[in-house]
């Protein structure tokens, strides 16, 4: 069975052109799904319903490749999932992809390789940036919420039995979990608190 999916980016655009092409390709009007949303949006109920409706042996048909994927990686993951479920994928215009044919499967393989290559390049750039920052004495990650001076204030306050923990956490800008990870209820430092002061 052929299942069709259409998407336009904004509400004032129409799917008429895509609908006509999908119907001409043999998709039954009852098997058409659509979204009016940006391709970058995670939430596309039409696509989610379409993917759920597909069964083994079905073929997902779309007008253009960018109707489906938010990015190359998302597209490859979606097509890989379809492939595992033994569902075909066909694009009517632009990229010549029809995974029910050997040529279409080859094109999909090239796309998957490009996605892997893109991921490797991004990782390589991130690692090089981190190495460069470390060589200049900078450490990665976000700055700690709990500083030694805040810890000393918390320690003194916790030693006072009249201290309200909620007010203290609000004043220091930390959570209760962070406070108790570093300072015991009696004001003594935990091992994490001692480690923070040694830094």
Protein backbone atom coordinates (compact mmCIF):
# COMPACT_ATOMS: atom_id res chain seq x y z
CA UNK A 1 0.00 0.00 0.00
CA UNK A 2 1.16 3.54 -0.81
CA UNK A 3 1.02 6.06 2.06
CA UNK A 4 1.55 9.74 1.21
CA UNK A 5 2.96 12.54 3.35
CA UNK A 6 2.81 16.28 2.58
CA UNK A 7 4.24 19.26 4.43
CA UNK A 8 4.28 23.03 3.98
CA UNK A 9 6.13 25.45 6.26
CA UNK A 10 3.38 27.94 7.07
CA UNK A 11 -0.37 27.90 7.54
CA UNK A 12 -1.06 30.17 4.56
CA UNK A 13 0.66 27.80 2.11
CA UNK A 14 -1.29 25.06 0.39
CA UNK A 15 -0.49 21.38 -0.14
CA UNK A 16 -2.46 21.23 -3.41
CA UNK A 17 0.62 20.73 -5.62
CA UNK A 18 1.92 17.91 -3.41
CA UNK A 19 -1.54 16.34 -3.13
CA UNK A 20 -1.96 16.26 -6.92
CA UNK A 21 1.48 14.67 -7.38
CA UNK A 22 0.83 12.03 -4.71
CA UNK A 23 -2.59 11.17 -6.12
CA UNK A 24 -1.07 10.90 -9.63
CA UNK A 25 1.54 8.51 -8.17
CA UNK A 26 -1.26 6.20 -7.06
CA UNK A 27 -1.74 7.17 -3.39
CA UNK A 28 -5.34 6.79 -2.23
CA UNK A 29 -6.81 10.07 -0.86
CA UNK A 30 -7.62 8.26 2.40
CA UNK A 31 -3.92 7.47 2.87
CA UNK A 32 -2.67 11.06 2.78
CA UNK A 33 -1.16 12.75 5.85
CA UNK A 34 -0.06 16.36 6.15
CA UNK A 35 1.54 18.95 8.41
CA UNK A 36 1.67 22.72 8.24
CA UNK A 37 4.83 23.29 10.22
CA UNK A 38 8.49 24.13 9.81
CA UNK A 39 10.69 21.15 8.94
CA UNK A 40 12.88 21.99 11.95
CA UNK A 41 10.02 21.44 14.41
CA UNK A 42 10.20 18.24 16.44
CA UNK A 43 6.44 18.01 16.79
CA UNK A 44 4.72 17.09 13.55
CA UNK A 45 1.55 15.15 14.36
CA UNK A 46 0.84 14.36 10.71
CA UNK A 47 4.23 12.71 10.23
CA UNK A 48 3.92 10.83 13.53
CA UNK A 49 0.49 9.47 12.50
CA UNK A 50 1.82 8.60 9.04
CA UNK A 51 4.80 6.65 10.40
CA UNK A 52 2.50 4.85 12.84
CA UNK A 53 0.09 3.84 10.05
CA UNK A 54 2.81 2.23 7.92
CA UNK A 55 2.98 -1.55 7.87
CA UNK A 56 5.49 -4.06 6.48
CA UNK A 57 5.43 -3.97 2.68
CA UNK A 58 3.97 -0.42 2.51
CA UNK A 59 5.74 2.43 0.69
CA UNK A 60 5.95 5.95 2.13
CA UNK A 61 5.66 8.44 -0.75
CA UNK A 62 6.53 12.13 -0.43
CA UNK A 63 6.80 14.96 -2.92
CA UNK A 64 10.29 16.16 -1.90
CA UNK A 65 12.98 14.80 0.40
CA UNK A 66 12.94 17.82 2.74
CA UNK A 67 9.29 17.15 3.61
CA UNK A 68 10.41 14.33 5.91
CA UNK A 69 13.72 15.20 7.59
CA UNK A 70 14.62 18.08 9.94
CA UNK A 71 18.26 17.42 9.11
CA UNK A 72 20.34 14.91 7.19
CA UNK A 73 20.81 12.89 10.39
CA UNK A 74 17.07 12.88 11.18
CA UNK A 75 16.28 11.87 7.60
CA UNK A 76 18.77 8.99 7.62
CA UNK A 77 17.50 7.76 11.00
CA UNK A 78 13.88 7.88 9.76
CA UNK A 79 14.73 5.98 6.56
CA UNK A 80 16.82 3.48 8.48
CA UNK A 81 13.86 2.81 10.80
CA UNK A 82 11.58 2.33 7.76
CA UNK A 83 14.11 -0.05 6.24
CA UNK A 84 14.22 -2.16 9.42
CA UNK A 85 10.42 -2.34 9.36
CA UNK A 86 10.63 -3.43 5.69
CA UNK A 87 8.82 -0.30 4.50
CA UNK A 88 9.80 1.35 1.21
CA UNK A 89 10.39 5.08 0.68
CA UNK A 90 9.88 7.02 -2.53
CA UNK A 91 10.49 10.70 -3.42
CA UNK A 92 8.62 12.08 -6.43
CA UNK A 93 10.75 15.17 -7.26
CA UNK A 94 14.36 16.24 -6.73
CA UNK A 95 16.43 13.42 -5.22
CA UNK A 96 16.01 10.13 -7.04
CA UNK A 97 15.23 7.91 -4.07
CA UNK A 98 13.08 4.81 -4.21
CA UNK A 99 14.30 2.27 -1.68
CA UNK A 100 12.22 -0.43 -3.37
CA UNK A 101 14.85 -0.37 -6.19
CA UNK A 102 18.61 -1.13 -6.10
CA UNK A 103 19.45 2.42 -7.31
CA UNK A 104 17.32 3.98 -4.58
CA UNK A 105 18.98 1.84 -1.93
CA UNK A 106 22.38 2.96 -3.24
CA UNK A 107 21.38 6.64 -2.96
CA UNK A 108 20.17 6.00 0.59
CA UNK A 109 23.52 4.36 1.41
CA UNK A 110 25.34 7.47 0.15
CA UNK A 111 23.09 9.69 2.31
CA UNK A 112 23.81 7.53 5.37
CA UNK A 113 27.56 7.79 4.70
CA UNK A 114 27.31 11.58 4.36
CA UNK A 115 25.45 11.78 7.66
CA UNK A 116 28.15 9.72 9.40
CA UNK A 117 30.85 11.89 7.82
CA UNK A 118 29.07 15.08 8.97
CA UNK A 119 28.82 13.70 12.52
CA UNK A 120 32.53 12.76 12.54
CA UNK A 121 33.53 16.25 11.33
CA UNK A 122 31.47 17.94 14.05
CA UNK A 123 32.98 15.70 16.72
CA UNK A 124 36.48 16.35 15.38
CA UNK A 125 35.93 20.13 15.54
CA UNK A 126 34.56 19.93 19.09
CA UNK A 127 37.50 17.80 20.29
CA UNK A 128 40.00 20.17 18.63
CA UNK A 129 38.30 23.15 20.30
CA UNK A 130 38.43 21.49 23.73
CA UNK A 131 42.10 20.56 23.28
CA UNK A 132 42.90 24.14 22.27
CA UNK A 133 41.04 25.50 25.32
CA UNK A 134 42.84 23.06 27.65
CA UNK A 135 46.23 24.11 26.27
CA UNK A 136 45.35 27.68 27.29
CA UNK A 137 44.44 26.55 30.81
CA UNK A 138 40.67 26.61 30.38
CA UNK A 139 38.47 23.73 31.43
CA UNK A 140 35.27 22.75 29.67
CA UNK A 141 31.83 22.42 31.21
CA UNK A 142 29.69 24.91 33.01
CA UNK A 143 30.89 26.85 36.00
CA UNK A 144 30.07 25.26 39.36
CA UNK A 145 26.99 26.66 41.08
CA UNK A 146 28.51 26.20 44.50
CA UNK A 147 31.65 28.29 45.08
CA UNK A 148 33.98 28.02 48.12
CA UNK A 149 32.66 31.35 49.50
CA UNK A 150 29.03 30.16 49.18
CA UNK A 151 30.03 26.89 50.82
CA UNK A 152 31.52 28.71 53.83
CA UNK A 153 28.34 30.78 54.18
CA UNK A 154 26.19 27.64 53.94
CA UNK A 155 28.36 25.86 56.50
CA UNK A 156 28.01 28.69 59.02
CA UNK A 157 24.26 28.97 58.41
CA UNK A 158 23.65 25.23 58.76
CA UNK A 159 25.47 25.20 62.10
CA UNK A 160 22.76 27.63 63.34
CA UNK A 161 19.63 25.66 64.30
CA UNK A 162 17.35 28.62 63.44
CA UNK A 163 18.35 28.55 59.76
CA UNK A 164 15.54 27.89 57.28
CA UNK A 165 16.98 25.64 54.55
CA UNK A 166 14.59 26.87 51.84
CA UNK A 167 15.51 30.53 52.48
CA UNK A 168 19.22 29.68 52.59
CA UNK A 169 19.02 27.86 49.23
CA UNK A 170 17.15 30.80 47.66
CA UNK A 171 19.75 33.23 49.00
CA UNK A 172 22.66 31.18 47.66
CA UNK A 173 20.93 30.27 44.38
CA UNK A 174 21.32 26.53 44.86
CA UNK A 175 19.01 23.54 45.25
CA UNK A 176 18.47 21.61 48.50
CA UNK A 177 20.15 18.58 46.92
CA UNK A 178 23.27 20.64 46.15
CA UNK A 179 23.32 22.02 49.69
CA UNK A 180 23.03 18.59 51.36
CA UNK A 181 25.58 17.11 48.94
CA UNK A 182 28.14 19.53 50.37
CA UNK A 183 27.02 20.36 53.90
CA UNK A 184 25.51 18.05 56.52
CA UNK A 185 22.49 19.27 58.56
CA UNK A 186 24.79 19.97 61.53
CA UNK A 187 27.03 22.25 59.47
CA UNK A 188 29.87 19.79 58.92
CA UNK A 189 31.24 19.40 55.40
CA UNK A 190 30.61 16.24 53.43
CA UNK A 191 33.40 14.67 51.37
CA UNK A 192 32.17 16.67 48.34
CA UNK A 193 32.23 19.87 50.37
CA UNK A 194 35.80 19.19 51.51
CA UNK A 195 36.82 18.42 47.92
CA UNK A 196 35.33 21.74 46.76
CA UNK A 197 37.38 23.69 49.33
CA UNK A 198 40.57 21.86 48.28
CA UNK A 199 40.24 22.92 44.65
